[in-house]
């Protein structure tokens, strides 16, 4: 069974630029490649930093496992 499955959410660390503090944002997993240690998904947060306009809500990203700080199933975000 893969570590990250479609629909899961991973919290990713994004580094700041030129003295701007970094931030952590959620990415919704589309698929993962365990052998390459990459998660492919869509940014599910509006970034606070500009990142030179390179990323925004809905951006498709490839994320290294080393940048993942948290992992949740979609059901963990719903009220019980």
Protein backbone atom coordinates (compact mmCIF):
# COMPACT_ATOMS: atom_id res chain seq x y z
CA UNK A 1 0.00 0.00 0.00
CA UNK A 2 1.44 3.41 -0.94
CA UNK A 3 2.35 5.83 1.81
CA UNK A 4 0.31 8.68 0.25
CA UNK A 5 -2.94 7.96 -1.61
CA UNK A 6 -5.09 10.08 -3.95
CA UNK A 7 -7.25 12.48 -1.96
CA UNK A 8 -4.91 12.53 1.06
CA UNK A 9 -3.52 15.86 2.24
CA UNK A 10 0.10 16.60 3.03
CA UNK A 11 1.39 19.71 4.81
CA UNK A 12 4.42 20.96 2.93
CA UNK A 13 7.17 23.32 4.02
CA UNK A 14 7.79 26.12 1.50
CA UNK A 15 10.99 28.06 2.04
CA UNK A 16 10.91 31.86 2.09
CA UNK A 17 12.97 34.00 -0.24
CA UNK A 18 15.33 36.89 0.59
CA UNK A 19 14.58 37.02 4.30
CA UNK A 20 10.86 36.27 3.96
CA UNK A 21 9.81 33.60 6.47
CA UNK A 22 8.75 30.29 4.99
CA UNK A 23 5.27 28.86 5.40
CA UNK A 24 3.52 25.50 5.56
CA UNK A 25 0.62 24.77 3.22
CA UNK A 26 -1.66 21.85 2.42
CA UNK A 27 -1.38 19.94 -0.86
CA UNK A 28 -4.11 17.52 -1.98
CA UNK A 29 -2.45 14.35 -3.29
CA UNK A 30 -3.17 13.24 -6.86
CA UNK A 31 -0.63 10.41 -6.84
CA UNK A 32 2.71 9.48 -5.35
CA UNK A 33 5.86 7.76 -6.57
CA UNK A 34 7.31 5.91 -3.58
CA UNK A 35 10.43 4.85 -5.50
CA UNK A 36 11.26 8.47 -6.39
CA UNK A 37 9.91 9.74 -3.04
CA UNK A 38 7.67 12.33 -4.72
CA UNK A 39 4.06 13.38 -4.18
CA UNK A 40 2.16 15.01 -7.05
CA UNK A 41 -0.79 17.16 -6.13
CA UNK A 42 -2.61 20.49 -6.05
CA UNK A 43 -1.95 23.35 -3.65
CA UNK A 44 -5.00 23.67 -1.39
CA UNK A 45 -3.96 26.93 0.35
CA UNK A 46 -3.69 30.52 -0.78
CA UNK A 47 -0.02 31.39 -0.13
CA UNK A 48 0.73 34.30 2.19
CA UNK A 49 4.02 34.96 0.39
CA UNK A 50 4.15 35.98 -3.28
CA UNK A 51 6.83 33.49 -4.47
CA UNK A 52 7.25 35.74 -7.53
CA UNK A 53 3.81 34.61 -8.75
CA UNK A 54 5.11 31.08 -9.38
CA UNK A 55 2.56 29.27 -7.19
CA UNK A 56 -0.97 29.92 -6.03
CA UNK A 57 -4.14 28.16 -4.96
CA UNK A 58 -4.68 25.24 -7.35
CA UNK A 59 -1.09 25.05 -8.61
CA UNK A 60 0.02 21.55 -9.62
CA UNK A 61 3.16 20.59 -7.73
CA UNK A 62 5.69 17.79 -7.30
CA UNK A 63 6.79 17.59 -3.67
CA UNK A 64 9.76 15.71 -2.22
CA UNK A 65 8.94 13.50 0.76
CA UNK A 66 11.61 15.46 2.68
CA UNK A 67 9.40 18.62 2.56
CA UNK A 68 6.31 16.89 4.01
CA UNK A 69 5.63 17.80 7.65
CA UNK A 70 2.17 16.27 8.19
CA UNK A 71 -0.18 13.78 6.51
CA UNK A 72 -3.95 13.52 6.88
CA UNK A 73 -6.79 11.59 5.31
CA UNK A 74 -9.68 13.71 3.93
CA UNK A 75 -11.98 12.44 6.71
CA UNK A 76 -9.71 14.03 9.32
CA UNK A 77 -10.90 17.47 8.15
CA UNK A 78 -14.62 16.79 8.60
CA UNK A 79 -16.66 17.15 11.76
CA UNK A 80 -17.86 13.95 13.36
